[in-house]
Amino acid sequence: MAEQAGPSIGAIQAGQAALARQHSTAADADRVLADALASAHAATVEGTGRLDTITAEIDDAVQKQAALALDSPMGAREFQRFLIAKQREIIAVVAHAREVDGVKKTVLENLRPHYATPAG
């Protein structure tokens, strides 16, 4: 019986060590995941805020179109420049969101193996 206890204790200890490593790996992955989600959320809130600001600026300009002299060639040209500038700002917000999306997608793909359970 003593012969069986030796290998069993060793097997139990090896199993415990493997589980501790797996737990540590999952905990590290959880921290990376939490950071990725928090930063993605912050980027989304920031982008939404920027788009809301752009919307308000455009709405304000439309409300004040009489004062902008849009019926004159110069006024119409200035308003066109204003709208083009706002379009560029929107494109920048969307481009940044896509960039963040790509980075976060890579982070999540790299985390996948850390959550895999060992076969058997």
PDB file of N, CA and C in Angstrom:
ATOM      1  N   MET A   1       0.807  -1.187   0.000  1.00  0.00           N
ATOM      2  CA  MET A   1       0.000   0.000   0.000  1.00  0.00           C
ATOM      3  C   MET A   1       0.850   1.250   0.000  1.00  0.00           C
ATOM      4  N   ALA A   2       1.963   1.215   0.655  1.00  0.00           N
ATOM      5  CA  ALA A   2       2.845   2.371   0.684  1.00  0.00           C
ATOM      6  C   ALA A   2       3.335   2.696  -0.709  1.00  0.00           C
ATOM      7  N   GLU A   3       3.467   1.690  -1.538  1.00  0.00           N
ATOM      8  CA  GLU A   3       3.910   1.917  -2.914  1.00  0.00           C
ATOM      9  C   GLU A   3       2.862   2.702  -3.699  1.00  0.00           C
ATOM     10  N   GLN A   4       1.594   2.428  -3.437  1.00  0.00           N
ATOM     11  CA  GLN A   4       0.525   3.149  -4.122  1.00  0.00           C
ATOM     12  C   GLN A   4       0.406   4.578  -3.629  1.00  0.00           C
ATOM     13  N   ALA A   5       0.676   4.815  -2.371  1.00  0.00           N
ATOM     14  CA  ALA A   5       0.543   6.154  -1.809  1.00  0.00           C
ATOM     15  C   ALA A   5       1.560   7.102  -2.421  1.00  0.00           C
ATOM     16  N   GLY A   6       2.775   6.640  -2.662  1.00  0.00           N
ATOM     17  CA  GLY A   6       3.819   7.494  -3.241  1.00  0.00           C
ATOM     18  C   GLY A   6       3.428   8.051  -4.594  1.00  0.00           C
ATOM     19  N   PRO A   7       3.123   7.210  -5.542  1.00  0.00           N
ATOM     20  CA  PRO A   7       2.726   7.734  -6.855  1.00  0.00           C
ATOM     21  C   PRO A   7       1.435   8.547  -6.806  1.00  0.00           C
ATOM     22  N   SER A   8       0.515   8.178  -5.938  1.00  0.00           N
ATOM     23  CA  SER A   8      -0.744   8.924  -5.840  1.00  0.00           C
ATOM     24  C   SER A   8      -0.501  10.326  -5.316  1.00  0.00           C
ATOM     25  N   ILE A   9       0.334  10.446  -4.288  1.00  0.00           N
ATOM     26  CA  ILE A   9       0.641  11.766  -3.739  1.00  0.00           C
ATOM     27  C   ILE A   9       1.356  12.604  -4.788  1.00  0.00           C
ATOM     28  N   GLY A  10       2.275  12.008  -5.495  1.00  0.00           N
ATOM     29  CA  GLY A  10       2.985  12.722  -6.559  1.00  0.00           C
ATOM     30  C   GLY A  10       2.038  13.172  -7.658  1.00  0.00           C
ATOM     31  N   ALA A  11       1.105  12.306  -8.015  1.00  0.00           N
ATOM     32  CA  ALA A  11       0.134  12.648  -9.052  1.00  0.00           C
ATOM     33  C   ALA A  11      -0.784  13.775  -8.585  1.00  0.00           C
ATOM     34  N   ILE A  12      -1.170  13.702  -7.326  1.00  0.00           N
ATOM     35  CA  ILE A  12      -2.028  14.760  -6.776  1.00  0.00           C
ATOM     36  C   ILE A  12      -1.290  16.086  -6.755  1.00  0.00           C
ATOM     37  N   GLN A  13      -0.050  16.063  -6.315  1.00  0.00           N
ATOM     38  CA  GLN A  13       0.744  17.284  -6.269  1.00  0.00           C
ATOM     39  C   GLN A  13       0.966  17.855  -7.675  1.00  0.00           C
ATOM     40  N   ALA A  14       1.232  16.966  -8.630  1.00  0.00           N
ATOM     41  CA  ALA A  14       1.413  17.422 -10.012  1.00  0.00           C
ATOM     42  C   ALA A  14       0.115  18.026 -10.545  1.00  0.00           C
ATOM     43  N   GLY A  15      -1.009  17.402 -10.224  1.00  0.00           N
ATOM     44  CA  GLY A  15      -2.310  17.931 -10.637  1.00  0.00           C
ATOM     45  C   GLY A  15      -2.601  19.281 -10.012  1.00  0.00           C
ATOM     46  N   GLN A  16      -2.268  19.404  -8.741  1.00  0.00           N
ATOM     47  CA  GLN A  16      -2.474  20.676  -8.048  1.00  0.00           C
ATOM     48  C   GLN A  16      -1.599  21.773  -8.649  1.00  0.00           C
ATOM     49  N   ALA A  17      -0.370  21.430  -8.960  1.00  0.00           N
ATOM     50  CA  ALA A  17       0.538  22.409  -9.575  1.00  0.00           C
ATOM     51  C   ALA A  17       0.022  22.835 -10.948  1.00  0.00           C
ATOM     52  N   ALA A  18      -0.482  21.875 -11.697  1.00  0.00           N
ATOM     53  CA  ALA A  18      -1.027  22.200 -13.020  1.00  0.00           C
ATOM     54  C   ALA A  18      -2.252  23.100 -12.891  1.00  0.00           C
ATOM     55  N   LEU A  19      -3.111  22.795 -11.928  1.00  0.00           N
ATOM     56  CA  LEU A  19      -4.289  23.635 -11.711  1.00  0.00           C
ATOM     57  C   LEU A  19      -3.905  25.031 -11.247  1.00  0.00           C
ATOM     58  N   ALA A  20      -2.880  25.135 -10.422  1.00  0.00           N
ATOM     59  CA  ALA A  20      -2.419  26.450  -9.954  1.00  0.00           C
ATOM     60  C   ALA A  20      -1.882  27.268 -11.130  1.00  0.00           C
ATOM     61  N   ARG A  21      -1.137  26.613 -12.022  1.00  0.00           N
ATOM     62  CA  ARG A  21      -0.637  27.326 -13.214  1.00  0.00           C
ATOM     63  C   ARG A  21      -1.787  27.767 -14.114  1.00  0.00           C
ATOM     64  N   GLN A  22      -2.748  26.877 -14.286  1.00  0.00           N
ATOM     65  CA  GLN A  22      -3.910  27.204 -15.115  1.00  0.00           C
ATOM     66  C   GLN A  22      -4.688  28.368 -14.499  1.00  0.00           C
ATOM     67  N   HIS A  23      -4.866  28.350 -13.196  1.00  0.00           N
ATOM     68  CA  HIS A  23      -5.573  29.429 -12.504  1.00  0.00           C
ATOM     69  C   HIS A  23      -4.815  30.746 -12.658  1.00  0.00           C
ATOM     70  N   SER A  24      -3.513  30.704 -12.491  1.00  0.00           N
ATOM     71  CA  SER A  24      -2.688  31.906 -12.629  1.00  0.00           C
ATOM     72  C   SER A  24      -2.779  32.470 -14.048  1.00  0.00           C
ATOM     73  N   THR A  25      -2.713  31.585 -15.027  1.00  0.00           N
ATOM     74  CA  THR A  25      -2.820  32.011 -16.426  1.00  0.00           C
ATOM     75  C   THR A  25      -4.182  32.643 -16.694  1.00  0.00           C
ATOM     76  N   ALA A  26      -5.238  32.020 -16.190  1.00  0.00           N
ATOM     77  CA  ALA A  26      -6.589  32.568 -16.390  1.00  0.00           C
ATOM     78  C   ALA A  26      -6.745  33.904 -15.665  1.00  0.00           C
ATOM     79  N   ALA A  27      -6.170  34.030 -14.474  1.00  0.00           N
ATOM     80  CA  ALA A  27      -6.261  35.296 -13.738  1.00  0.00           C
ATOM     81  C   ALA A  27      -5.532  36.410 -14.475  1.00  0.00           C
ATOM     82  N   ASP A  28      -4.353  36.101 -15.025  1.00  0.00           N
ATOM     83  CA  ASP A  28      -3.623  37.097 -15.823  1.00  0.00           C
ATOM     84  C   ASP A  28      -4.433  37.489 -17.061  1.00  0.00           C
ATOM     85  N   ALA A  29      -5.018  36.498 -17.708  1.00  0.00           N
ATOM     86  CA  ALA A  29      -5.840  36.771 -18.893  1.00  0.00           C
ATOM     87  C   ALA A  29      -7.061  37.608 -18.520  1.00  0.00           C
ATOM     88  N   ASP A  30      -7.647  37.335 -17.362  1.00  0.00           N
ATOM     89  CA  ASP A  30      -8.800  38.121 -16.896  1.00  0.00           C
ATOM     90  C   ASP A  30      -8.426  39.589 -16.722  1.00  0.00           C
ATOM     91  N   ARG A  31      -7.238  39.847 -16.182  1.00  0.00           N
ATOM     92  CA  ARG A  31      -6.801  41.235 -15.999  1.00  0.00           C
ATOM     93  C   ARG A  31      -6.624  41.927 -17.359  1.00  0.00           C
ATOM     94  N   VAL A  32      -6.022  41.230 -18.309  1.00  0.00           N
ATOM     95  CA  VAL A  32      -5.846  41.804 -19.639  1.00  0.00           C
ATOM     96  C   VAL A  32      -7.203  42.050 -20.288  1.00  0.00           C
ATOM     97  N   LEU A  33      -8.118  41.091 -20.129  1.00  0.00           N
ATOM     98  CA  LEU A  33      -9.465  41.230 -20.685  1.00  0.00           C
ATOM     99  C   LEU A  33     -10.192  42.425 -20.068  1.00  0.00           C
ATOM    100  N   ALA A  34     -10.105  42.560 -18.763  1.00  0.00           N
ATOM    101  CA  ALA A  34     -10.766  43.686 -18.087  1.00  0.00           C
ATOM    102  C   ALA A  34     -10.194  45.017 -18.572  1.00  0.00           C
ATOM    103  N   ASP A  35      -8.888  45.086 -18.712  1.00  0.00           N
ATOM    104  CA  ASP A  35      -8.259  46.318 -19.222  1.00  0.00           C
ATOM    105  C   ASP A  35      -8.713  46.607 -20.651  1.00  0.00           C
ATOM    106  N   ALA A  36      -8.767  45.570 -21.482  1.00  0.00           N
ATOM    107  CA  ALA A  36      -9.190  45.752 -22.877  1.00  0.00           C
ATOM    108  C   ALA A  36     -10.629  46.245 -22.952  1.00  0.00           C
ATOM    109  N   LEU A  37     -11.494  45.661 -22.151  1.00  0.00           N
ATOM    110  CA  LEU A  37     -12.899  46.080 -22.154  1.00  0.00           C
ATOM    111  C   LEU A  37     -13.062  47.501 -21.633  1.00  0.00           C
ATOM    112  N   ALA A  38     -12.338  47.824 -20.571  1.00  0.00           N
ATOM    113  CA  ALA A  38     -12.434  49.178 -20.003  1.00  0.00           C
ATOM    114  C   ALA A  38     -11.938  50.222 -20.999  1.00  0.00           C
ATOM    115  N   SER A  39     -10.821  49.946 -21.658  1.00  0.00           N
ATOM    116  CA  SER A  39     -10.305  50.931 -22.611  1.00  0.00           C
ATOM    117  C   SER A  39     -11.181  51.013 -23.859  1.00  0.00           C
ATOM    118  N   ALA A  40     -11.759  49.890 -24.276  1.00  0.00           N
ATOM    119  CA  ALA A  40     -12.682  49.924 -25.419  1.00  0.00           C
ATOM    120  C   ALA A  40     -13.923  50.741 -25.065  1.00  0.00           C
ATOM    121  N   HIS A  41     -14.418  50.561 -23.863  1.00  0.00           N
ATOM    122  CA  HIS A  41     -15.585  51.335 -23.423  1.00  0.00           C
ATOM    123  C   HIS A  41     -15.249  52.823 -23.381  1.00  0.00           C
ATOM    124  N   ALA A  42     -14.091  53.150 -22.815  1.00  0.00           N
ATOM    125  CA  ALA A  42     -13.680  54.560 -22.742  1.00  0.00           C
ATOM    126  C   ALA A  42     -13.551  55.166 -24.130  1.00  0.00           C
ATOM    127  N   ALA A  43     -12.990  54.411 -25.065  1.00  0.00           N
ATOM    128  CA  ALA A  43     -12.849  54.905 -26.437  1.00  0.00           C
ATOM    129  C   ALA A  43     -14.218  55.110 -27.085  1.00  0.00           C
ATOM    130  N   THR A  44     -15.151  54.225 -26.800  1.00  0.00           N
ATOM    131  CA  THR A  44     -16.506  54.349 -27.337  1.00  0.00           C
ATOM    132  C   THR A  44     -17.200  55.585 -26.781  1.00  0.00           C
ATOM    133  N   VAL A  45     -17.067  55.794 -25.483  1.00  0.00           N
ATOM    134  CA  VAL A  45     -17.674  56.969 -24.845  1.00  0.00           C
ATOM    135  C   VAL A  45     -17.056  58.249 -25.419  1.00  0.00           C
ATOM    136  N   GLU A  46     -15.736  58.254 -25.565  1.00  0.00           N
ATOM    137  CA  GLU A  46     -15.058  59.429 -26.125  1.00  0.00           C
ATOM    138  C   GLU A  46     -15.516  59.692 -27.561  1.00  0.00           C
ATOM    139  N   GLY A  47     -15.570  58.649 -28.384  1.00  0.00           N
ATOM    140  CA  GLY A  47     -16.005  58.812 -29.769  1.00  0.00           C
ATOM    141  C   GLY A  47     -17.436  59.298 -29.875  1.00  0.00           C
ATOM    142  N   THR A  48     -18.296  58.738 -29.046  1.00  0.00           N
ATOM    143  CA  THR A  48     -19.699  59.169 -29.032  1.00  0.00           C
ATOM    144  C   THR A  48     -19.800  60.633 -28.628  1.00  0.00           C
ATOM    145  N   GLY A  49     -19.005  61.020 -27.640  1.00  0.00           N
ATOM    146  CA  GLY A  49     -18.995  62.415 -27.205  1.00  0.00           C
ATOM    147  C   GLY A  49     -18.530  63.350 -28.312  1.00  0.00           C
ATOM    148  N   ARG A  50     -17.495  62.936 -29.016  1.00  0.00           N
ATOM    149  CA  ARG A  50     -17.003  63.760 -30.128  1.00  0.00           C
ATOM    150  C   ARG A  50     -18.059  63.884 -31.225  1.00  0.00           C
ATOM    151  N   LEU A  51     -18.730  62.776 -31.536  1.00  0.00           N
ATOM    152  CA  LEU A  51     -19.787  62.825 -32.558  1.00  0.00           C
ATOM    153  C   LEU A  51     -20.960  63.683 -32.099  1.00  0.00           C
ATOM    154  N   ASP A  52     -21.304  63.609 -30.826  1.00  0.00           N
ATOM    155  CA  ASP A  52     -22.378  64.462 -30.290  1.00  0.00           C
ATOM    156  C   ASP A  52     -22.011  65.939 -30.405  1.00  0.00           C
ATOM    157  N   THR A  53     -20.739  66.259 -30.140  1.00  0.00           N
ATOM    158  CA  THR A  53     -20.279  67.640 -30.258  1.00  0.00           C
ATOM    159  C   THR A  53     -20.365  68.119 -31.701  1.00  0.00           C
ATOM    160  N   ILE A  54     -19.935  67.278 -32.627  1.00  0.00           N
ATOM    161  CA  ILE A  54     -20.002  67.629 -34.051  1.00  0.00           C
ATOM    162  C   ILE A  54     -21.458  67.842 -34.470  1.00  0.00           C
ATOM    163  N   THR A  55     -22.327  66.967 -34.014  1.00  0.00           N
ATOM    164  CA  THR A  55     -23.759  67.104 -34.326  1.00  0.00           C
ATOM    165  C   THR A  55     -24.298  68.431 -33.810  1.00  0.00           C
ATOM    166  N   ALA A  56     -23.937  68.763 -32.583  1.00  0.00           N
ATOM    167  CA  ALA A  56     -24.415  70.026 -31.996  1.00  0.00           C
ATOM    168  C   ALA A  56     -23.884  71.224 -32.780  1.00  0.00           C
ATOM    169  N   GLU A  57     -22.637  71.166 -33.218  1.00  0.00           N
ATOM    170  CA  GLU A  57     -22.065  72.271 -33.989  1.00  0.00           C
ATOM    171  C   GLU A  57     -22.771  72.431 -35.338  1.00  0.00           C
ATOM    172  N   ILE A  58     -23.072  71.327 -35.979  1.00  0.00           N
ATOM    173  CA  ILE A  58     -23.783  71.388 -37.263  1.00  0.00           C
ATOM    174  C   ILE A  58     -25.208  71.899 -37.048  1.00  0.00           C
ATOM    175  N   ASP A  59     -25.876  71.357 -36.037  1.00  0.00           N
ATOM    176  CA  ASP A  59     -27.242  71.814 -35.738  1.00  0.00           C
ATOM    177  C   ASP A  59     -27.265  73.312 -35.434  1.00  0.00           C
ATOM    178  N   ASP A  60     -26.276  73.783 -34.673  1.00  0.00           N
ATOM    179  CA  ASP A  60     -26.186  75.200 -34.333  1.00  0.00           C
ATOM    180  C   ASP A  60     -25.991  76.048 -35.598  1.00  0.00           C
ATOM    181  N   ALA A  61     -25.131  75.581 -36.483  1.00  0.00           N
ATOM    182  CA  ALA A  61     -24.889  76.316 -37.727  1.00  0.00           C
ATOM    183  C   ALA A  61     -26.134  76.362 -38.603  1.00  0.00           C
ATOM    184  N   VAL A  62     -26.876  75.264 -38.643  1.00  0.00           N
ATOM    185  CA  VAL A  62     -28.107  75.226 -39.437  1.00  0.00           C
ATOM    186  C   VAL A  62     -29.143  76.179 -38.836  1.00  0.00           C
ATOM    187  N   GLN A  63     -29.221  76.213 -37.512  1.00  0.00           N
ATOM    188  CA  GLN A  63     -30.155  77.120 -36.851  1.00  0.00           C
ATOM    189  C   GLN A  63     -29.822  78.586 -37.152  1.00  0.00           C
ATOM    190  N   LYS A  64     -28.536  78.863 -37.327  1.00  0.00           N
ATOM    191  CA  LYS A  64     -28.090  80.241 -37.549  1.00  0.00           C
ATOM    192  C   LYS A  64     -27.769  80.526 -39.021  1.00  0.00           C
ATOM    193  N   GLN A  65     -28.372  79.775 -39.904  1.00  0.00           N
ATOM    194  CA  GLN A  65     -28.022  79.938 -41.315  1.00  0.00           C
ATOM    195  C   GLN A  65     -28.362  81.316 -41.870  1.00  0.00           C
ATOM    196  N   ALA A  66     -29.345  81.961 -41.339  1.00  0.00           N
ATOM    197  CA  ALA A  66     -29.677  83.306 -41.822  1.00  0.00           C
ATOM    198  C   ALA A  66     -28.525  84.262 -41.517  1.00  0.00           C
ATOM    199  N   ALA A  67     -27.928  84.107 -40.350  1.00  0.00           N
ATOM    200  CA  ALA A  67     -26.811  84.974 -39.966  1.00  0.00           C
ATOM    201  C   ALA A  67     -25.542  84.640 -40.739  1.00  0.00           C
ATOM    202  N   LEU A  68     -25.475  83.444 -41.296  1.00  0.00           N
ATOM    203  CA  LEU A  68     -24.279  83.021 -42.034  1.00  0.00           C
ATOM    204  C   LEU A  68     -24.299  83.485 -43.494  1.00  0.00           C
ATOM    205  N   ALA A  69     -25.358  84.100 -43.902  1.00  0.00           N
ATOM    206  CA  ALA A  69     -25.500  84.596 -45.282  1.00  0.00           C
ATOM    207  C   ALA A  69     -25.270  83.487 -46.299  1.00  0.00           C
ATOM    208  N   LEU A  70     -25.981  82.386 -46.115  1.00  0.00           N
ATOM    209  CA  LEU A  70     -25.826  81.262 -47.029  1.00  0.00           C
ATOM    210  C   LEU A  70     -26.351  81.554 -48.426  1.00  0.00           C
ATOM    211  N   ASP A  71     -27.151  82.602 -48.540  1.00  0.00           N
ATOM    212  CA  ASP A  71     -27.680  82.939 -49.856  1.00  0.00           C
ATOM    213  C   ASP A  71     -26.651  83.686 -50.708  1.00  0.00           C
ATOM    214  N   SER A  72     -25.521  84.047 -50.123  1.00  0.00           N
ATOM    215  CA  SER A  72     -24.454  84.687 -50.904  1.00  0.00           C
ATOM    216  C   SER A  72     -23.409  83.639 -51.267  1.00  0.00           C
ATOM    217  N   PRO A  73     -22.702  83.842 -52.383  1.00  0.00           N
ATOM    218  CA  PRO A  73     -21.669  82.873 -52.772  1.00  0.00           C
ATOM    219  C   PRO A  73     -20.607  82.675 -51.686  1.00  0.00           C
ATOM    220  N   MET A  74     -20.179  83.760 -51.050  1.00  0.00           N
ATOM    221  CA  MET A  74     -19.155  83.643 -50.022  1.00  0.00           C
ATOM    222  C   MET A  74     -19.679  82.890 -48.804  1.00  0.00           C
ATOM    223  N   GLY A  75     -20.903  83.194 -48.393  1.00  0.00           N
ATOM    224  CA  GLY A  75     -21.512  82.510 -47.261  1.00  0.00           C
ATOM    225  C   GLY A  75     -21.704  81.026 -47.541  1.00  0.00           C
ATOM    226  N   ALA A  76     -22.161  80.716 -48.755  1.00  0.00           N
ATOM    227  CA  ALA A  76     -22.358  79.315 -49.135  1.00  0.00           C
ATOM    228  C   ALA A  76     -21.026  78.570 -49.149  1.00  0.00           C
ATOM    229  N   ARG A  77     -19.979  79.226 -49.645  1.00  0.00           N
ATOM    230  CA  ARG A  77     -18.653  78.609 -49.691  1.00  0.00           C
ATOM    231  C   ARG A  77     -18.114  78.357 -48.276  1.00  0.00           C
ATOM    232  N   GLU A  78     -18.312  79.320 -47.401  1.00  0.00           N
ATOM    233  CA  GLU A  78     -17.858  79.159 -46.018  1.00  0.00           C
ATOM    234  C   GLU A  78     -18.604  78.023 -45.313  1.00  0.00           C
ATOM    235  N   PHE A  79     -19.908  77.948 -45.578  1.00  0.00           N
ATOM    236  CA  PHE A  79     -20.686  76.869 -44.973  1.00  0.00           C
ATOM    237  C   PHE A  79     -20.236  75.514 -45.523  1.00  0.00           C
ATOM    238  N   GLN A  80     -19.934  75.484 -46.820  1.00  0.00           N
ATOM    239  CA  GLN A  80     -19.426  74.258 -47.436  1.00  0.00           C
ATOM    240  C   GLN A  80     -18.098  73.849 -46.774  1.00  0.00           C
ATOM    241  N   ARG A  81     -17.210  74.796 -46.548  1.00  0.00           N
ATOM    242  CA  ARG A  81     -15.935  74.499 -45.881  1.00  0.00           C
ATOM    243  C   ARG A  81     -16.174  73.978 -44.457  1.00  0.00           C
ATOM    244  N   PHE A  82     -17.121  74.613 -43.787  1.00  0.00           N
ATOM    245  CA  PHE A  82     -17.476  74.187 -42.436  1.00  0.00           C
ATOM    246  C   PHE A  82     -17.943  72.730 -42.435  1.00  0.00           C
ATOM    247  N   LEU A  83     -18.850  72.410 -43.381  1.00  0.00           N
ATOM    248  CA  LEU A  83     -19.372  71.042 -43.450  1.00  0.00           C
ATOM    249  C   LEU A  83     -18.282  70.037 -43.828  1.00  0.00           C
ATOM    250  N   ILE A  84     -17.385  70.427 -44.714  1.00  0.00           N
ATOM    251  CA  ILE A  84     -16.272  69.541 -45.090  1.00  0.00           C
ATOM    252  C   ILE A  84     -15.368  69.301 -43.884  1.00  0.00           C
ATOM    253  N   ALA A  85     -15.116  70.336 -43.108  1.00  0.00           N
ATOM    254  CA  ALA A  85     -14.303  70.180 -41.896  1.00  0.00           C
ATOM    255  C   ALA A  85     -14.985  69.225 -40.915  1.00  0.00           C
ATOM    256  N   LYS A  86     -16.291  69.359 -40.774  1.00  0.00           N
ATOM    257  CA  LYS A  86     -17.030  68.468 -39.868  1.00  0.00           C
ATOM    258  C   LYS A  86     -17.010  67.030 -40.398  1.00  0.00           C
ATOM    259  N   GLN A  87     -17.096  66.880 -41.713  1.00  0.00           N
ATOM    260  CA  GLN A  87     -17.020  65.552 -42.313  1.00  0.00           C
ATOM    261  C   GLN A  87     -15.658  64.917 -42.006  1.00  0.00           C
ATOM    262  N   ARG A  88     -14.597  65.705 -42.106  1.00  0.00           N
ATOM    263  CA  ARG A  88     -13.255  65.201 -41.792  1.00  0.00           C
ATOM    264  C   ARG A  88     -13.154  64.790 -40.323  1.00  0.00           C
ATOM    265  N   GLU A  89     -13.774  65.571 -39.462  1.00  0.00           N
ATOM    266  CA  GLU A  89     -13.774  65.211 -38.035  1.00  0.00           C
ATOM    267  C   GLU A  89     -14.510  63.894 -37.813  1.00  0.00           C
ATOM    268  N   ILE A  90     -15.627  63.716 -38.488  1.00  0.00           N
ATOM    269  CA  ILE A  90     -16.395  62.477 -38.371  1.00  0.00           C
ATOM    270  C   ILE A  90     -15.560  61.304 -38.877  1.00  0.00           C
ATOM    271  N   ILE A  91     -14.911  61.499 -40.014  1.00  0.00           N
ATOM    272  CA  ILE A  91     -14.061  60.438 -40.575  1.00  0.00           C
ATOM    273  C   ILE A  91     -12.941  60.086 -39.598  1.00  0.00           C
ATOM    274  N   ALA A  92     -12.361  61.090 -38.947  1.00  0.00           N
ATOM    275  CA  ALA A  92     -11.299  60.837 -37.966  1.00  0.00           C
ATOM    276  C   ALA A  92     -11.824  60.034 -36.781  1.00  0.00           C
ATOM    277  N   VAL A  93     -13.021  60.350 -36.313  1.00  0.00           N
ATOM    278  CA  VAL A  93     -13.621  59.611 -35.191  1.00  0.00           C
ATOM    279  C   VAL A  93     -13.842  58.156 -35.598  1.00  0.00           C
ATOM    280  N   VAL A  94     -14.398  57.946 -36.780  1.00  0.00           N
ATOM    281  CA  VAL A  94     -14.666  56.586 -37.259  1.00  0.00           C
ATOM    282  C   VAL A  94     -13.357  55.822 -37.473  1.00  0.00           C
ATOM    283  N   ALA A  95     -12.354  56.478 -38.036  1.00  0.00           N
ATOM    284  CA  ALA A  95     -11.054  55.830 -38.256  1.00  0.00           C
ATOM    285  C   ALA A  95     -10.427  55.415 -36.924  1.00  0.00           C
ATOM    286  N   HIS A  96     -10.529  56.290 -35.938  1.00  0.00           N
ATOM    287  CA  HIS A  96      -9.991  55.957 -34.617  1.00  0.00           C
ATOM    288  C   HIS A  96     -10.739  54.767 -34.011  1.00  0.00           C
ATOM    289  N   ALA A  97     -12.046  54.743 -34.183  1.00  0.00           N
ATOM    290  CA  ALA A  97     -12.847  53.631 -33.663  1.00  0.00           C
ATOM    291  C   ALA A  97     -12.441  52.321 -34.334  1.00  0.00           C
ATOM    292  N   ARG A  98     -12.199  52.363 -35.636  1.00  0.00           N
ATOM    293  CA  ARG A  98     -11.756  51.152 -36.341  1.00  0.00           C
ATOM    294  C   ARG A  98     -10.385  50.707 -35.857  1.00  0.00           C
ATOM    295  N   GLU A  99      -9.521  51.665 -35.601  1.00  0.00           N
ATOM    296  CA  GLU A  99      -8.179  51.359 -35.102  1.00  0.00           C
ATOM    297  C   GLU A  99      -8.266  50.683 -33.725  1.00  0.00           C
ATOM    298  N   VAL A 100      -9.064  51.256 -32.852  1.00  0.00           N
ATOM    299  CA  VAL A 100      -9.259  50.674 -31.521  1.00  0.00           C
ATOM    300  C   VAL A 100      -9.858  49.279 -31.651  1.00  0.00           C
ATOM    301  N   ASP A 101     -10.819  49.133 -32.546  1.00  0.00           N
ATOM    302  CA  ASP A 101     -11.448  47.839 -32.782  1.00  0.00           C
ATOM    303  C   ASP A 101     -10.415  46.803 -33.196  1.00  0.00           C
ATOM    304  N   GLY A 102      -9.537  47.160 -34.114  1.00  0.00           N
ATOM    305  CA  GLY A 102      -8.512  46.221 -34.572  1.00  0.00           C
ATOM    306  C   GLY A 102      -7.563  45.810 -33.461  1.00  0.00           C
ATOM    307  N   VAL A 103      -7.153  46.786 -32.662  1.00  0.00           N
ATOM    308  CA  VAL A 103      -6.249  46.488 -31.545  1.00  0.00           C
ATOM    309  C   VAL A 103      -6.935  45.574 -30.534  1.00  0.00           C
ATOM    310  N   LYS A 104      -8.166  45.892 -30.188  1.00  0.00           N
ATOM    311  CA  LYS A 104      -8.874  45.094 -29.184  1.00  0.00           C
ATOM    312  C   LYS A 104      -9.188  43.696 -29.712  1.00  0.00           C
ATOM    313  N   LYS A 105      -9.468  43.595 -30.991  1.00  0.00           N
ATOM    314  CA  LYS A 105      -9.717  42.283 -31.596  1.00  0.00           C
ATOM    315  C   LYS A 105      -8.475  41.411 -31.470  1.00  0.00           C
ATOM    316  N   THR A 106      -7.314  42.002 -31.730  1.00  0.00           N
ATOM    317  CA  THR A 106      -6.058  41.262 -31.610  1.00  0.00           C
ATOM    318  C   THR A 106      -5.832  40.822 -30.171  1.00  0.00           C
ATOM    319  N   VAL A 107      -6.090  41.726 -29.225  1.00  0.00           N
ATOM    320  CA  VAL A 107      -5.928  41.380 -27.808  1.00  0.00           C
ATOM    321  C   VAL A 107      -6.830  40.199 -27.452  1.00  0.00           C
ATOM    322  N   LEU A 108      -8.078  40.259 -27.872  1.00  0.00           N
ATOM    323  CA  LEU A 108      -9.016  39.181 -27.545  1.00  0.00           C
ATOM    324  C   LEU A 108      -8.623  37.865 -28.202  1.00  0.00           C
ATOM    325  N   GLU A 109      -8.165  37.927 -29.446  1.00  0.00           N
ATOM    326  CA  GLU A 109      -7.728  36.703 -30.121  1.00  0.00           C
ATOM    327  C   GLU A 109      -6.521  36.094 -29.411  1.00  0.00           C
ATOM    328  N   ASN A 110      -5.626  36.952 -28.917  1.00  0.00           N
ATOM    329  CA  ASN A 110      -4.447  36.452 -28.201  1.00  0.00           C
ATOM    330  C   ASN A 110      -4.798  35.876 -26.835  1.00  0.00           C
ATOM    331  N   LEU A 111      -5.929  36.272 -26.291  1.00  0.00           N
ATOM    332  CA  LEU A 111      -6.355  35.745 -24.981  1.00  0.00           C
ATOM    333  C   LEU A 111      -7.012  34.376 -25.082  1.00  0.00           C
ATOM    334  N   ARG A 112      -7.565  34.060 -26.221  1.00  0.00           N
ATOM    335  CA  ARG A 112      -8.330  32.815 -26.388  1.00  0.00           C
ATOM    336  C   ARG A 112      -7.583  31.585 -25.867  1.00  0.00           C
ATOM    337  N   PRO A 113      -6.321  31.387 -26.212  1.00  0.00           N
ATOM    338  CA  PRO A 113      -5.635  30.174 -25.723  1.00  0.00           C
ATOM    339  C   PRO A 113      -5.461  30.136 -24.195  1.00  0.00           C
ATOM    340  N   HIS A 114      -5.478  31.274 -23.555  1.00  0.00           N
ATOM    341  CA  HIS A 114      -5.309  31.294 -22.105  1.00  0.00           C
ATOM    342  C   HIS A 114      -6.540  30.769 -21.363  1.00  0.00           C
ATOM    343  N   TYR A 115      -7.654  30.705 -22.056  1.00  0.00           N
ATOM    344  CA  TYR A 115      -8.861  30.203 -21.448  1.00  0.00           C
ATOM    345  C   TYR A 115      -9.166  28.761 -21.845  1.00  0.00           C
ATOM    346  N   ALA A 116      -8.336  28.187 -22.683  1.00  0.00           N
ATOM    347  CA  ALA A 116      -8.552  26.810 -23.118  1.00  0.00           C
ATOM    348  C   ALA A 116      -8.222  25.874 -21.972  1.00  0.00           C
ATOM    349  N   THR A 117      -9.024  24.830 -21.831  1.00  0.00           N
ATOM    350  CA  THR A 117      -8.746  23.851 -20.794  1.00  0.00           C
ATOM    351  C   THR A 117      -7.880  22.734 -21.395  1.00  0.00           C
ATOM    352  N   PRO A 118      -6.983  22.164 -20.609  1.00  0.00           N
ATOM    353  CA  PRO A 118      -6.144  21.104 -21.144  1.00  0.00           C
ATOM    354  C   PRO A 118      -6.999  19.878 -21.477  1.00  0.00           C
ATOM    355  N   ALA A 119      -6.614  19.206 -22.543  1.00  0.00           N
ATOM    356  CA  ALA A 119      -7.365  18.012 -22.971  1.00  0.00           C
ATOM    357  C   ALA A 119      -7.233  16.912 -21.923  1.00  0.00           C
ATOM    358  N   GLY A 120      -8.308  16.199 -21.772  1.00  0.00           N
ATOM    359  CA  GLY A 120      -8.245  15.057 -20.858  1.00  0.00           C
ATOM    360  C   GLY A 120      -8.868  15.417 -19.592  1.00  0.00           C
TER     361      GLY A 120
END
